[in-house]
Amino acid sequence: MDKDSQQADADIRRADYATEKGEVILRKHEYDGIQEYDQKLPNWWLVALWASIAAFIIYYTVYYTFDLMPSFSDEMDAKVEAVQEMRKKALAETLPKLNDNSLVNVWSTDAEIVAAGHKTYTAMCAACHGADYKANGGTTGRALDDGIWEYGGKPMDVFNVINNGSPEGSKGLNGMKMVAWGETALTPKQVAEVTAFIISINPADFADLKN
């Protein structure tokens, strides 16, 4: 330490803590030649500190001790339940518009609907069923261009499998089952669009329903 620093330290009052605003003291506590300065913290900082501590104590008591607030798990369960209710409502509104005839003669003949279905298929379905609809030789799912419809070959059967997944009790293909996309990621409208797209690439399989 140079002489100027030593003189500066000598001019600073020694005390345990600073007590006046703007005051700088050199604390009496010293260990191994290490000394500490101290200043009185501004009141706004002290108020914020103690208010934070008080808020934590209140929150902890209300949340953890008396269980008066919903837990994070409860909040997530409520959000999931709300989403499921929205999906059920959307499905109830969409189903009356759907039947085998409308899916073949209305939905699958609308270029915009088919294009939307293709886009969703590419994003959500192609990984298993393949961009060429052959499911990588049947190793990642069921092919969609071989005329075989394991769970029913009617348009609404296809819709229900996409929406609800593989039927309960089914073994799937090579242990792989269809995801219930309508319960996880797709709206009923999107499921109908994908169904329309699948119908559009298999016209022969649904020709008996064509007007």
C-alpha atoms as a PDB file:
ATOM      1  CA  MET A   1       0.000   0.000   0.000  1.00  0.00           C
ATOM      2  CA  ASP A   2       1.473   3.395  -0.973  1.00  0.00           C
ATOM      3  CA  LYS A   3       1.798   6.371   1.398  1.00  0.00           C
ATOM      4  CA  ASP A   4      -1.197   8.209  -0.073  1.00  0.00           C
ATOM      5  CA  SER A   5      -3.434   5.205   0.480  1.00  0.00           C
ATOM      6  CA  GLN A   6      -2.136   4.776   4.017  1.00  0.00           C
ATOM      7  CA  GLN A   7      -2.790   8.459   4.762  1.00  0.00           C
ATOM      8  CA  ALA A   8      -6.302   8.199   3.258  1.00  0.00           C
ATOM      9  CA  ASP A   9      -7.087   5.206   5.461  1.00  0.00           C
ATOM     10  CA  ALA A  10      -5.714   7.013   8.466  1.00  0.00           C
ATOM     11  CA  ASP A  11      -8.070   9.936   7.820  1.00  0.00           C
ATOM     12  CA  ILE A  12     -11.155   7.654   7.690  1.00  0.00           C
ATOM     13  CA  ARG A  13     -12.967   7.075  10.980  1.00  0.00           C
ATOM     14  CA  ARG A  14     -12.751   3.558  12.371  1.00  0.00           C
ATOM     15  CA  ALA A  15     -16.022   2.053  13.579  1.00  0.00           C
ATOM     16  CA  ASP A  16     -18.087  -1.133  13.420  1.00  0.00           C
ATOM     17  CA  TYR A  17     -20.588   0.268  10.894  1.00  0.00           C
ATOM     18  CA  ALA A  18     -21.391   3.531   9.167  1.00  0.00           C
ATOM     19  CA  THR A  19     -24.304   5.326  10.806  1.00  0.00           C
ATOM     20  CA  GLU A  20     -24.675   8.559   8.839  1.00  0.00           C
ATOM     21  CA  LYS A  21     -25.812   9.064   5.252  1.00  0.00           C
ATOM     22  CA  GLY A  22     -22.831   9.466   2.947  1.00  0.00           C
ATOM     23  CA  GLU A  23     -20.393   8.487   5.675  1.00  0.00           C
ATOM     24  CA  VAL A  24     -17.556   6.125   4.819  1.00  0.00           C
ATOM     25  CA  ILE A  25     -15.836   4.299   7.666  1.00  0.00           C
ATOM     26  CA  LEU A  26     -13.118   1.708   7.892  1.00  0.00           C
ATOM     27  CA  ARG A  27     -14.425  -1.182   9.929  1.00  0.00           C
ATOM     28  CA  LYS A  28     -12.559  -2.175  13.061  1.00  0.00           C
ATOM     29  CA  HIS A  29     -12.758  -5.774  12.002  1.00  0.00           C
ATOM     30  CA  GLU A  30      -9.512  -6.852  10.349  1.00  0.00           C
ATOM     31  CA  TYR A  31      -8.257 -10.277   9.399  1.00  0.00           C
ATOM     32  CA  ASP A  32      -4.857 -11.184   7.977  1.00  0.00           C
ATOM     33  CA  GLY A  33      -4.276  -7.569   7.022  1.00  0.00           C
ATOM     34  CA  ILE A  34      -7.575  -7.356   5.136  1.00  0.00           C
ATOM     35  CA  GLN A  35      -9.776  -4.370   6.000  1.00  0.00           C
ATOM     36  CA  GLU A  36     -13.310  -3.444   4.972  1.00  0.00           C
ATOM     37  CA  TYR A  37     -14.973  -0.158   4.161  1.00  0.00           C
ATOM     38  CA  ASP A  38     -18.607   0.394   5.067  1.00  0.00           C
ATOM     39  CA  GLN A  39     -21.261   2.920   4.000  1.00  0.00           C
ATOM     40  CA  LYS A  40     -24.838   3.379   5.125  1.00  0.00           C
ATOM     41  CA  LEU A  41     -27.158   1.986   2.489  1.00  0.00           C
ATOM     42  CA  PRO A  42     -29.786   4.380   1.077  1.00  0.00           C
ATOM     43  CA  ASN A  43     -33.241   4.111   2.625  1.00  0.00           C
ATOM     44  CA  TRP A  44     -34.935   3.171  -0.666  1.00  0.00           C
ATOM     45  CA  TRP A  45     -32.624   0.161  -0.954  1.00  0.00           C
ATOM     46  CA  LEU A  46     -33.313  -0.905   2.631  1.00  0.00           C
ATOM     47  CA  VAL A  47     -37.064  -0.503   2.118  1.00  0.00           C
ATOM     48  CA  ALA A  48     -36.903  -2.652  -1.029  1.00  0.00           C
ATOM     49  CA  LEU A  49     -34.853  -5.285   0.803  1.00  0.00           C
ATOM     50  CA  TRP A  50     -37.160  -5.588   3.800  1.00  0.00           C
ATOM     51  CA  ALA A  51     -40.277  -5.441   1.626  1.00  0.00           C
ATOM     52  CA  SER A  52     -38.906  -8.321  -0.446  1.00  0.00           C
ATOM     53  CA  ILE A  53     -38.199 -10.349   2.672  1.00  0.00           C
ATOM     54  CA  ALA A  54     -41.685  -9.642   4.042  1.00  0.00           C
ATOM     55  CA  ALA A  55     -43.284 -10.563   0.699  1.00  0.00           C
ATOM     56  CA  PHE A  56     -41.368 -13.843   0.647  1.00  0.00           C
ATOM     57  CA  ILE A  57     -42.442 -14.738   4.173  1.00  0.00           C
ATOM     58  CA  ILE A  58     -46.102 -13.973   3.374  1.00  0.00           C
ATOM     59  CA  TYR A  59     -45.956 -15.886   0.083  1.00  0.00           C
ATOM     60  CA  TYR A  60     -44.238 -18.877   1.677  1.00  0.00           C
ATOM     61  CA  THR A  61     -46.773 -18.993   4.489  1.00  0.00           C
ATOM     62  CA  VAL A  62     -49.791 -18.672   2.191  1.00  0.00           C
ATOM     63  CA  TYR A  63     -48.478 -21.000  -0.541  1.00  0.00           C
ATOM     64  CA  TYR A  64     -46.614 -23.712   1.355  1.00  0.00           C
ATOM     65  CA  THR A  65     -47.892 -23.619   4.944  1.00  0.00           C
ATOM     66  CA  PHE A  66     -51.632 -23.028   4.540  1.00  0.00           C
ATOM     67  CA  ASP A  67     -51.935 -24.193   0.903  1.00  0.00           C
ATOM     68  CA  LEU A  68     -54.221 -21.258   0.081  1.00  0.00           C
ATOM     69  CA  MET A  69     -52.930 -20.796  -3.474  1.00  0.00           C
ATOM     70  CA  PRO A  70     -53.051 -23.317  -6.345  1.00  0.00           C
ATOM     71  CA  SER A  71     -49.771 -25.092  -6.943  1.00  0.00           C
ATOM     72  CA  PHE A  72     -47.949 -24.983 -10.268  1.00  0.00           C
ATOM     73  CA  SER A  73     -49.162 -28.523 -10.891  1.00  0.00           C
ATOM     74  CA  ASP A  74     -52.764 -27.472 -10.196  1.00  0.00           C
ATOM     75  CA  GLU A  75     -52.443 -24.537 -12.574  1.00  0.00           C
ATOM     76  CA  MET A  76     -51.049 -26.763 -15.340  1.00  0.00           C
ATOM     77  CA  ASP A  77     -53.797 -29.340 -14.791  1.00  0.00           C
ATOM     78  CA  ALA A  78     -56.408 -26.581 -15.065  1.00  0.00           C
ATOM     79  CA  LYS A  79     -54.845 -25.285 -18.298  1.00  0.00           C
ATOM     80  CA  VAL A  80     -54.729 -28.778 -19.808  1.00  0.00           C
ATOM     81  CA  GLU A  81     -58.339 -29.371 -18.793  1.00  0.00           C
ATOM     82  CA  ALA A  82     -59.356 -26.068 -20.380  1.00  0.00           C
ATOM     83  CA  VAL A  83     -57.587 -27.013 -23.621  1.00  0.00           C
ATOM     84  CA  GLN A  84     -59.298 -30.415 -23.630  1.00  0.00           C
ATOM     85  CA  GLU A  85     -62.671 -28.762 -23.124  1.00  0.00           C
ATOM     86  CA  MET A  86     -61.957 -26.438 -26.052  1.00  0.00           C
ATOM     87  CA  ARG A  87     -61.035 -29.445 -28.205  1.00  0.00           C
ATOM     88  CA  LYS A  88     -64.227 -31.261 -27.232  1.00  0.00           C
ATOM     89  CA  LYS A  89     -66.291 -28.189 -28.051  1.00  0.00           C
ATOM     90  CA  ALA A  90     -64.547 -27.755 -31.422  1.00  0.00           C
ATOM     91  CA  LEU A  91     -65.072 -31.438 -32.219  1.00  0.00           C
ATOM     92  CA  ALA A  92     -68.759 -31.202 -31.322  1.00  0.00           C
ATOM     93  CA  GLU A  93     -69.099 -28.223 -33.669  1.00  0.00           C
ATOM     94  CA  THR A  94     -67.200 -29.912 -36.512  1.00  0.00           C
ATOM     95  CA  LEU A  95     -68.653 -33.428 -36.447  1.00  0.00           C
ATOM     96  CA  PRO A  96     -72.136 -32.423 -37.711  1.00  0.00           C
ATOM     97  CA  LYS A  97     -70.456 -31.100 -40.867  1.00  0.00           C
ATOM     98  CA  LEU A  98     -68.657 -34.371 -41.499  1.00  0.00           C
ATOM     99  CA  ASN A  99     -69.757 -37.658 -42.953  1.00  0.00           C
ATOM    100  CA  ASP A 100     -68.436 -40.073 -45.554  1.00  0.00           C
ATOM    101  CA  ASN A 101     -70.186 -38.233 -48.362  1.00  0.00           C
ATOM    102  CA  SER A 102     -69.062 -34.714 -47.423  1.00  0.00           C
ATOM    103  CA  LEU A 103     -65.461 -35.771 -46.864  1.00  0.00           C
ATOM    104  CA  VAL A 104     -65.283 -37.345 -50.329  1.00  0.00           C
ATOM    105  CA  ASN A 105     -67.395 -34.939 -52.340  1.00  0.00           C
ATOM    106  CA  VAL A 106     -66.807 -31.624 -50.573  1.00  0.00           C
ATOM    107  CA  TRP A 107     -63.656 -31.635 -48.463  1.00  0.00           C
ATOM    108  CA  SER A 108     -61.428 -33.727 -50.728  1.00  0.00           C
ATOM    109  CA  THR A 109     -62.474 -31.787 -53.846  1.00  0.00           C
ATOM    110  CA  ASP A 110     -61.572 -28.393 -52.395  1.00  0.00           C
ATOM    111  CA  ALA A 111     -58.023 -27.507 -53.469  1.00  0.00           C
ATOM    112  CA  GLU A 112     -57.414 -25.193 -50.493  1.00  0.00           C
ATOM    113  CA  ILE A 113     -58.561 -27.809 -47.989  1.00  0.00           C
ATOM    114  CA  VAL A 114     -56.435 -30.505 -49.616  1.00  0.00           C
ATOM    115  CA  ALA A 115     -53.410 -28.174 -49.669  1.00  0.00           C
ATOM    116  CA  ALA A 116     -53.896 -27.399 -45.967  1.00  0.00           C
ATOM    117  CA  GLY A 117     -54.174 -31.117 -45.257  1.00  0.00           C
ATOM    118  CA  HIS A 118     -51.003 -31.791 -47.219  1.00  0.00           C
ATOM    119  CA  LYS A 119     -49.147 -29.125 -45.238  1.00  0.00           C
ATOM    120  CA  THR A 120     -50.263 -30.650 -41.934  1.00  0.00           C
ATOM    121  CA  TYR A 121     -49.432 -34.141 -43.181  1.00  0.00           C
ATOM    122  CA  THR A 122     -45.914 -33.043 -44.116  1.00  0.00           C
ATOM    123  CA  ALA A 123     -45.363 -31.470 -40.712  1.00  0.00           C
ATOM    124  CA  MET A 124     -46.993 -34.072 -38.473  1.00  0.00           C
ATOM    125  CA  CYS A 125     -47.425 -37.356 -40.368  1.00  0.00           C
ATOM    126  CA  ALA A 126     -44.677 -37.767 -42.939  1.00  0.00           C
ATOM    127  CA  ALA A 127     -42.084 -38.786 -40.341  1.00  0.00           C
ATOM    128  CA  CYS A 128     -43.926 -42.090 -39.818  1.00  0.00           C
ATOM    129  CA  HIS A 129     -45.988 -42.568 -42.977  1.00  0.00           C
ATOM    130  CA  GLY A 130     -43.398 -41.149 -45.348  1.00  0.00           C
ATOM    131  CA  ALA A 131     -43.412 -38.276 -47.795  1.00  0.00           C
ATOM    132  CA  ASP A 132     -44.232 -40.880 -50.464  1.00  0.00           C
ATOM    133  CA  TYR A 133     -46.947 -42.440 -48.232  1.00  0.00           C
ATOM    134  CA  LYS A 134     -45.095 -45.788 -48.126  1.00  0.00           C
ATOM    135  CA  ALA A 135     -44.018 -45.513 -44.464  1.00  0.00           C
ATOM    136  CA  ASN A 136     -40.412 -46.358 -45.334  1.00  0.00           C
ATOM    137  CA  GLY A 137     -41.395 -49.835 -46.448  1.00  0.00           C
ATOM    138  CA  GLY A 138     -43.691 -50.292 -43.469  1.00  0.00           C
ATOM    139  CA  THR A 139     -40.910 -49.920 -40.919  1.00  0.00           C
ATOM    140  CA  THR A 140     -42.136 -46.675 -39.354  1.00  0.00           C
ATOM    141  CA  GLY A 141     -45.902 -46.974 -39.751  1.00  0.00           C
ATOM    142  CA  ARG A 142     -48.618 -48.122 -42.107  1.00  0.00           C
ATOM    143  CA  ALA A 143     -48.424 -47.295 -45.791  1.00  0.00           C
ATOM    144  CA  LEU A 144     -51.213 -45.036 -47.003  1.00  0.00           C
ATOM    145  CA  ASP A 145     -51.179 -46.003 -50.686  1.00  0.00           C
ATOM    146  CA  ASP A 146     -51.646 -49.784 -50.587  1.00  0.00           C
ATOM    147  CA  GLY A 147     -55.435 -49.880 -50.277  1.00  0.00           C
ATOM    148  CA  ILE A 148     -55.284 -51.514 -46.835  1.00  0.00           C
ATOM    149  CA  TRP A 149     -57.236 -49.732 -44.115  1.00  0.00           C
ATOM    150  CA  GLU A 150     -56.656 -51.670 -40.912  1.00  0.00           C
ATOM    151  CA  TYR A 151     -59.308 -49.908 -38.851  1.00  0.00           C
ATOM    152  CA  GLY A 152     -61.975 -49.323 -41.502  1.00  0.00           C
ATOM    153  CA  GLY A 153     -61.869 -47.979 -45.030  1.00  0.00           C
ATOM    154  CA  LYS A 154     -64.622 -45.383 -44.836  1.00  0.00           C
ATOM    155  CA  PRO A 155     -63.682 -41.683 -44.712  1.00  0.00           C
ATOM    156  CA  MET A 156     -65.028 -41.270 -41.184  1.00  0.00           C
ATOM    157  CA  ASP A 157     -63.021 -44.335 -40.104  1.00  0.00           C
ATOM    158  CA  VAL A 158     -59.885 -42.580 -41.349  1.00  0.00           C
ATOM    159  CA  PHE A 159     -60.919 -39.375 -39.567  1.00  0.00           C
ATOM    160  CA  ASN A 160     -61.518 -41.235 -36.299  1.00  0.00           C
ATOM    161  CA  VAL A 161     -58.162 -43.023 -36.401  1.00  0.00           C
ATOM    162  CA  ILE A 162     -56.319 -39.744 -36.963  1.00  0.00           C
ATOM    163  CA  ASN A 163     -58.349 -37.975 -34.303  1.00  0.00           C
ATOM    164  CA  ASN A 164     -58.497 -40.705 -31.653  1.00  0.00           C
ATOM    165  CA  GLY A 165     -55.437 -42.813 -32.445  1.00  0.00           C
ATOM    166  CA  SER A 166     -55.305 -46.589 -32.701  1.00  0.00           C
ATOM    167  CA  PRO A 167     -58.411 -48.273 -31.239  1.00  0.00           C
ATOM    168  CA  GLU A 168     -58.133 -49.481 -27.662  1.00  0.00           C
ATOM    169  CA  GLY A 169     -56.742 -52.999 -27.534  1.00  0.00           C
ATOM    170  CA  SER A 170     -55.063 -52.818 -30.939  1.00  0.00           C
ATOM    171  CA  LYS A 171     -51.445 -53.951 -31.159  1.00  0.00           C
ATOM    172  CA  GLY A 172     -50.473 -51.418 -33.786  1.00  0.00           C
ATOM    173  CA  LEU A 173     -47.838 -52.167 -36.399  1.00  0.00           C
ATOM    174  CA  ASN A 174     -44.542 -53.528 -35.126  1.00  0.00           C
ATOM    175  CA  GLY A 175     -45.587 -52.304 -31.711  1.00  0.00           C
ATOM    176  CA  MET A 176     -46.205 -48.758 -32.992  1.00  0.00           C
ATOM    177  CA  LYS A 177     -49.626 -47.227 -32.498  1.00  0.00           C
ATOM    178  CA  MET A 178     -51.272 -44.216 -34.080  1.00  0.00           C
ATOM    179  CA  VAL A 179     -51.114 -41.085 -31.957  1.00  0.00           C
ATOM    180  CA  ALA A 180     -54.439 -39.468 -31.011  1.00  0.00           C
ATOM    181  CA  TRP A 181     -53.643 -36.284 -32.879  1.00  0.00           C
ATOM    182  CA  GLY A 182     -57.003 -34.720 -32.096  1.00  0.00           C
ATOM    183  CA  GLU A 183     -56.197 -34.924 -28.391  1.00  0.00           C
ATOM    184  CA  THR A 184     -52.641 -33.671 -28.632  1.00  0.00           C
ATOM    185  CA  ALA A 185     -51.842 -31.326 -31.504  1.00  0.00           C
ATOM    186  CA  LEU A 186     -54.480 -30.956 -34.212  1.00  0.00           C
ATOM    187  CA  THR A 187     -57.866 -29.244 -34.261  1.00  0.00           C
ATOM    188  CA  PRO A 188     -60.873 -31.167 -35.619  1.00  0.00           C
ATOM    189  CA  LYS A 189     -60.702 -28.995 -38.743  1.00  0.00           C
ATOM    190  CA  GLN A 190     -57.077 -29.936 -39.288  1.00  0.00           C
ATOM    191  CA  VAL A 191     -57.877 -33.620 -38.807  1.00  0.00           C
ATOM    192  CA  ALA A 192     -60.638 -33.300 -41.404  1.00  0.00           C
ATOM    193  CA  GLU A 193     -58.206 -31.561 -43.775  1.00  0.00           C
ATOM    194  CA  VAL A 194     -55.657 -34.355 -43.408  1.00  0.00           C
ATOM    195  CA  THR A 195     -58.423 -36.894 -43.990  1.00  0.00           C
ATOM    196  CA  ALA A 196     -59.439 -35.036 -47.145  1.00  0.00           C
ATOM    197  CA  PHE A 197     -55.838 -35.041 -48.316  1.00  0.00           C
ATOM    198  CA  ILE A 198     -55.521 -38.799 -47.760  1.00  0.00           C
ATOM    199  CA  ILE A 199     -58.747 -39.344 -49.712  1.00  0.00           C
ATOM    200  CA  SER A 200     -57.377 -37.193 -52.533  1.00  0.00           C
ATOM    201  CA  ILE A 201     -54.279 -39.390 -52.941  1.00  0.00           C
ATOM    202  CA  ASN A 202     -56.361 -42.575 -52.890  1.00  0.00           C
ATOM    203  CA  PRO A 203     -59.255 -41.782 -55.260  1.00  0.00           C
ATOM    204  CA  ALA A 204     -59.818 -45.442 -56.217  1.00  0.00           C
ATOM    205  CA  ASP A 205     -60.330 -46.498 -52.588  1.00  0.00           C
ATOM    206  CA  PHE A 206     -63.230 -44.055 -52.170  1.00  0.00           C
ATOM    207  CA  ALA A 207     -64.646 -44.107 -55.686  1.00  0.00           C
ATOM    208  CA  ASP A 208     -67.842 -45.845 -54.572  1.00  0.00           C
ATOM    209  CA  LEU A 209     -68.765 -42.717 -52.579  1.00  0.00           C
ATOM    210  CA  LYS A 210     -68.096 -40.287 -55.413  1.00  0.00           C
ATOM    211  CA  ASN A 211     -71.149 -38.418 -56.690  1.00  0.00           C
END
